[in-house]
C-alpha cells in the first residue's frame, strides 16, 4: 500500500497522474474559494472563528465529490 502511495506521489510531481492537470487545479481552486468566502462571511456575521472554520471545512468537504466527479487519471 505504501508503494502505491509512493508511486502516486511520484506521478503527481512528474505531472502525469491526471489527464488534465489544469482542470484539477481549477476545481480545487473553486473548493478553496468556497471555503474561504464562507469562513469570511460567517466571521463577519459574528460567529466564533473556530466555528467558522469548522462550518467552512464541512461545506468545502461536502462540495469536493461534486467538483471531482469527472476526474480522470492518466
Protein backbone atom coordinates (compact mmCIF):
# COMPACT_ATOMS: atom_id res chain seq x y z
CA UNK A 1 0.00 0.00 0.00
CA UNK A 2 2.84 2.40 0.79
CA UNK A 3 4.28 1.54 -2.61
CA UNK A 4 1.04 2.69 -4.26
CA UNK A 5 1.16 5.98 -2.34
CA UNK A 6 4.80 6.47 -3.32
CA UNK A 7 4.04 5.83 -7.00
CA UNK A 8 1.08 8.23 -6.92
CA UNK A 9 3.19 10.99 -5.37
CA UNK A 10 5.93 10.46 -7.94
CA UNK A 11 3.44 10.58 -10.83
CA UNK A 12 1.82 13.70 -9.35
CA UNK A 13 5.12 15.58 -9.10
CA UNK A 14 6.04 14.50 -12.63
CA UNK A 15 2.70 15.86 -13.85
CA UNK A 16 1.48 12.51 -15.15
CA UNK A 17 -1.14 11.49 -12.55
CA UNK A 18 -4.12 13.33 -14.05
CA UNK A 19 -5.16 13.57 -17.69
CA UNK A 20 -5.95 17.29 -17.39
CA UNK A 21 -3.99 18.90 -14.56
CA UNK A 22 -5.44 22.32 -15.36
CA UNK A 23 -8.97 21.02 -14.72
CA UNK A 24 -7.90 19.52 -11.40
CA UNK A 25 -6.28 22.78 -10.31
CA UNK A 26 -9.36 24.77 -11.38
CA UNK A 27 -11.74 22.52 -9.44
CA UNK A 28 -9.50 22.53 -6.34
CA UNK A 29 -9.32 26.33 -6.53
CA UNK A 30 -13.11 26.54 -6.63
CA UNK A 31 -13.30 24.44 -3.46
CA UNK A 32 -10.70 26.62 -1.73
CA UNK A 33 -12.51 29.82 -2.70
CA UNK A 34 -15.86 28.44 -1.48
CA UNK A 35 -14.33 27.60 1.90
CA UNK A 36 -12.52 30.93 2.22
CA UNK A 37 -15.57 33.01 1.30
CA UNK A 38 -17.76 31.03 3.67
CA UNK A 39 -15.32 31.48 6.57
CA UNK A 40 -15.07 35.23 5.95
CA UNK A 41 -18.84 35.69 5.64
CA UNK A 42 -19.52 33.70 8.79
CA UNK A 43 -16.81 35.62 10.69
CA UNK A 44 -18.35 38.93 9.56
CA UNK A 45 -21.68 37.68 10.89
CA UNK A 46 -20.08 37.43 14.33
CA UNK A 47 -19.58 33.70 14.78
CA UNK A 48 -16.50 32.46 16.63
CA UNK A 49 -13.55 31.84 14.32
CA UNK A 50 -13.27 28.17 15.27
CA UNK A 51 -16.92 27.64 14.38
CA UNK A 52 -16.47 29.45 11.06
CA UNK A 53 -13.55 27.16 10.20
CA UNK A 54 -15.49 24.02 11.15
CA UNK A 55 -18.53 25.01 9.08
CA UNK A 56 -16.36 26.11 6.13
CA UNK A 57 -14.44 22.83 6.24
CA UNK A 58 -17.59 20.73 6.33
CA UNK A 59 -19.19 22.58 3.43
CA UNK A 60 -15.98 22.55 1.39
CA UNK A 61 -15.50 18.83 2.05
CA UNK A 62 -19.08 18.18 1.03
CA UNK A 63 -18.57 20.01 -2.27
CA UNK A 64 -15.44 18.02 -3.21
CA UNK A 65 -17.23 14.91 -4.56
CA UNK A 66 -19.29 17.13 -6.87
CA UNK A 67 -16.22 19.07 -8.03
CA UNK A 68 -14.13 15.97 -8.73
CA UNK A 69 -16.84 13.67 -10.12
CA UNK A 70 -15.34 13.81 -13.64
CA UNK A 71 -11.70 13.47 -12.56
CA UNK A 72 -9.70 11.31 -14.96
CA UNK A 73 -6.39 9.68 -14.15
CA UNK A 74 -3.72 9.14 -16.79
